[in-house]
Amino acid sequence: MKVKVDFELCANLGQCALAAPEVFSMGAGGLTYDEAPAESSRDAVEEAVDVCPMQAIGLDD
């Protein structure tokens, strides 16, 4: 599983970090994330994709 965030769309609202804190993190520098999270995080990542108000997160298998 590969995660991609389009930082031109991302507004650093943090909804992804709430949905999948093991993959996404908000810090002083903005969003950071694991580009290749464990398969066990799939449900949480899919939730993060769904809740992103800017539709900035992509997921590939």
Protein backbone atom coordinates (compact mmCIF):
# COMPACT_ATOMS: atom_id res chain seq x y z
CA MET A 1 0.00 0.00 0.00
CA LYS A 2 1.33 3.43 -0.98
CA VAL A 3 0.02 6.73 0.38
CA LYS A 4 0.53 10.02 -1.42
CA VAL A 5 -0.41 13.49 -0.20
CA ASP A 6 -0.71 16.35 -2.66
CA PHE A 7 0.74 19.19 -0.60
CA GLU A 8 -0.56 21.74 -3.11
CA LEU A 9 -4.08 20.71 -2.09
CA CYS A 10 -3.41 19.90 1.58
CA ALA A 11 -4.64 22.61 3.97
CA ASN A 12 -3.08 21.01 7.09
CA LEU A 13 -6.49 20.61 8.75
CA GLY A 14 -5.41 17.40 10.49
CA GLN A 15 -8.45 15.24 9.78
CA CYS A 16 -6.17 12.51 8.45
CA ALA A 17 -4.13 12.53 11.67
CA LEU A 18 -7.32 12.04 13.66
CA ALA A 19 -8.46 9.17 11.44
CA ALA A 20 -5.09 7.41 11.15
CA PRO A 21 -2.63 8.70 13.78
CA GLU A 22 -0.30 5.75 13.15
CA VAL A 23 0.22 7.00 9.58
CA PHE A 24 -0.35 10.79 9.62
CA SER A 25 1.02 13.33 12.10
CA MET A 26 0.61 17.06 12.49
CA GLY A 27 3.54 19.02 13.86
CA ALA A 28 4.96 22.51 13.87
CA GLY A 29 6.12 21.99 10.26
CA GLY A 30 2.75 20.71 9.10
CA LEU A 31 1.76 17.24 8.00
CA THR A 32 4.12 14.29 7.90
CA TYR A 33 3.14 10.75 6.97
CA ASP A 34 4.33 7.22 6.33
CA GLU A 35 4.35 6.69 2.55
CA ALA A 36 4.25 2.89 2.89
CA PRO A 37 2.28 2.01 6.03
CA ALA A 38 1.60 -1.53 7.18
CA GLU A 39 -1.35 -3.31 5.61
CA SER A 40 -2.92 -3.44 9.07
CA SER A 41 -3.44 0.35 8.79
CA ARG A 42 -5.52 0.08 5.58
CA ASP A 43 -8.92 0.73 7.19
CA ALA A 44 -7.63 3.81 8.99
CA VAL A 45 -5.91 5.13 5.85
CA GLU A 46 -9.09 4.63 3.81
CA GLU A 47 -10.96 6.59 6.49
CA ALA A 48 -8.35 9.37 6.25
CA VAL A 49 -8.81 9.49 2.47
CA ASP A 50 -12.58 9.75 2.95
CA VAL A 51 -12.48 12.50 5.59
CA CYS A 52 -9.90 14.74 3.91
CA PRO A 53 -11.89 17.89 3.06
CA MET A 54 -9.38 18.87 0.37
CA GLN A 55 -9.23 15.39 -1.21
CA ALA A 56 -5.45 15.64 -1.01
CA ILE A 57 -4.72 11.99 -0.09
CA GLY A 58 -4.28 9.21 -2.61
CA LEU A 59 -3.96 5.48 -1.95
CA ASP A 60 -2.49 2.87 -4.30
CA ASP A 61 -2.18 -0.85 -3.75
